[in-house]
Amino acid sequence: MSDHTSAGSRGAIDYVAVEESERFRTLRRTQRSFIFPLAAFFLIWYFAYVLLAAFAVDFMAQRVWGDITVGLLLGLGQFVTTFAITMAYVAFANRKIDPLATEIRQELERAEGDA
């Protein structure tokens, strides 16, 4: 049991210091700069759809082509938007977030290995 405790303290990393580091703050700022605007956009778009469905029934029931209505197109647009946002985030994360997160993780792993 004492071996486990000494091994745990040997490779101790100051995670609070890592969290307060400039690189970690940059990582969080980069992620938030993408997530918050898109989340706001999507919530506004979603609630607009719900409000239109509740209060603009005649508008949503307008036929566009055959049995296809404005409401159906906007509802399908919700799914398309969800997939588009997901694909955009994955591309953004692969390009901007993951490289920085990998650097931080590798630095921590080296520090733990050196301890």
Protein backbone atom coordinates (compact mmCIF):
# COMPACT_ATOMS: atom_id res chain seq x y z
CA MET A 1 0.00 0.00 0.00
CA SER A 2 2.84 2.41 0.75
CA ASP A 3 4.33 1.65 -2.69
CA HIS A 4 1.14 2.85 -4.35
CA THR A 5 1.15 6.08 -2.33
CA SER A 6 4.79 6.85 -3.03
CA ALA A 7 4.34 6.09 -6.74
CA GLY A 8 1.35 8.42 -6.85
CA SER A 9 3.23 11.27 -5.23
CA ARG A 10 6.34 10.73 -7.39
CA GLY A 11 4.56 11.58 -10.65
CA ALA A 12 2.34 14.28 -9.18
CA ILE A 13 1.40 16.99 -11.65
CA ASP A 14 0.10 20.37 -10.59
CA TYR A 15 -3.09 20.31 -12.64
CA VAL A 16 -4.24 23.64 -11.23
CA ALA A 17 -1.07 25.27 -12.61
CA VAL A 18 -1.70 23.58 -15.96
CA GLU A 19 -5.27 24.86 -15.99
CA GLU A 20 -4.05 28.38 -15.24
CA SER A 21 -1.31 28.26 -17.90
CA GLU A 22 -1.55 30.50 -20.95
CA ARG A 23 -1.60 27.54 -23.38
CA PHE A 24 -4.53 25.90 -21.58
CA ARG A 25 -6.40 29.22 -21.47
CA THR A 26 -5.75 29.61 -25.20
CA LEU A 27 -7.13 26.12 -25.77
CA ARG A 28 -10.31 26.90 -23.83
CA ARG A 29 -10.69 30.32 -25.48
CA THR A 30 -10.31 28.76 -28.94
CA GLN A 31 -12.89 26.10 -28.20
CA ARG A 32 -15.35 28.57 -26.69
CA SER A 33 -14.95 31.02 -29.58
CA PHE A 34 -16.38 28.33 -31.83
CA ILE A 35 -18.90 26.65 -29.54
CA PHE A 36 -20.71 29.63 -28.01
CA PRO A 37 -21.64 31.46 -31.24
CA LEU A 38 -22.79 28.25 -32.92
CA ALA A 39 -24.75 27.18 -29.87
CA ALA A 40 -26.46 30.57 -29.76
CA PHE A 41 -27.21 30.40 -33.49
CA PHE A 42 -28.66 26.92 -33.20
CA LEU A 43 -30.80 27.73 -30.17
CA ILE A 44 -32.23 30.81 -31.87
CA TRP A 45 -32.91 28.78 -35.02
CA TYR A 46 -34.51 25.97 -32.97
CA PHE A 47 -36.74 28.26 -30.91
CA ALA A 48 -37.74 30.19 -34.03
CA TYR A 49 -38.89 26.89 -35.52
CA VAL A 50 -40.83 25.97 -32.38
CA LEU A 51 -42.44 29.42 -32.14
CA LEU A 52 -43.38 29.36 -35.82
CA ALA A 53 -44.92 25.91 -35.36
CA ALA A 54 -46.91 27.14 -32.38
CA PHE A 55 -47.99 30.60 -33.52
CA ALA A 56 -47.67 30.73 -37.33
CA VAL A 57 -49.58 27.60 -38.21
CA ASP A 58 -50.85 28.98 -41.51
CA PHE A 59 -47.32 29.92 -42.60
CA MET A 60 -45.93 26.51 -41.63
CA ALA A 61 -48.80 24.77 -43.44
CA GLN A 62 -48.15 26.52 -46.76
CA ARG A 63 -47.49 23.99 -49.47
CA VAL A 64 -44.25 24.41 -51.34
CA TRP A 65 -44.51 21.45 -53.68
CA GLY A 66 -47.13 18.70 -53.51
CA ASP A 67 -47.48 17.64 -49.89
CA ILE A 68 -44.21 19.34 -48.89
CA THR A 69 -44.90 22.26 -46.53
CA VAL A 70 -42.77 25.08 -45.17
CA GLY A 71 -42.93 23.44 -41.74
CA LEU A 72 -41.63 20.15 -43.10
CA LEU A 73 -38.74 21.89 -44.85
CA LEU A 74 -37.84 23.87 -41.74
CA GLY A 75 -38.07 20.71 -39.62
CA LEU A 76 -35.75 18.85 -41.96
CA GLY A 77 -33.52 21.91 -41.88
CA GLN A 78 -33.09 21.31 -38.14
CA PHE A 79 -31.52 17.93 -38.88
CA VAL A 80 -29.36 19.32 -41.67
CA THR A 81 -28.17 22.13 -39.39
CA THR A 82 -27.32 19.67 -36.62
CA PHE A 83 -25.19 17.56 -38.94
CA ALA A 84 -23.55 20.62 -40.50
CA ILE A 85 -22.63 22.04 -37.09
CA THR A 86 -21.26 18.65 -36.02
CA MET A 87 -19.12 18.33 -39.15
CA ALA A 88 -17.90 21.92 -38.80
CA TYR A 89 -16.94 21.34 -35.17
CA VAL A 90 -15.07 18.12 -35.96
CA ALA A 91 -13.12 19.88 -38.71
CA PHE A 92 -12.41 22.86 -36.42
CA ALA A 93 -11.34 20.60 -33.55
CA ASN A 94 -9.06 18.56 -35.80
CA ARG A 95 -7.44 21.72 -37.16
CA LYS A 96 -7.25 24.00 -34.09
CA ILE A 97 -8.08 22.28 -30.81
CA ASP A 98 -6.59 18.79 -31.09
CA PRO A 99 -3.02 19.86 -31.97
CA LEU A 100 -2.84 22.17 -28.94
CA ALA A 101 -4.48 19.62 -26.65
CA THR A 102 -2.02 16.98 -27.88
CA GLU A 103 0.92 19.28 -27.11
CA ILE A 104 -0.35 19.91 -23.59
CA ARG A 105 -1.02 16.19 -23.00
CA GLN A 106 2.42 15.18 -24.28
CA GLU A 107 4.05 17.79 -22.06
CA LEU A 108 2.18 16.42 -19.05
CA GLU A 109 3.10 12.84 -19.94
CA ARG A 110 6.78 13.83 -20.24
CA ALA A 111 6.62 15.63 -16.90
CA GLU A 112 5.04 12.58 -15.28
CA GLY A 113 7.64 10.29 -16.85
CA ASP A 114 10.51 12.51 -15.66
CA ALA A 115 9.22 12.63 -12.10
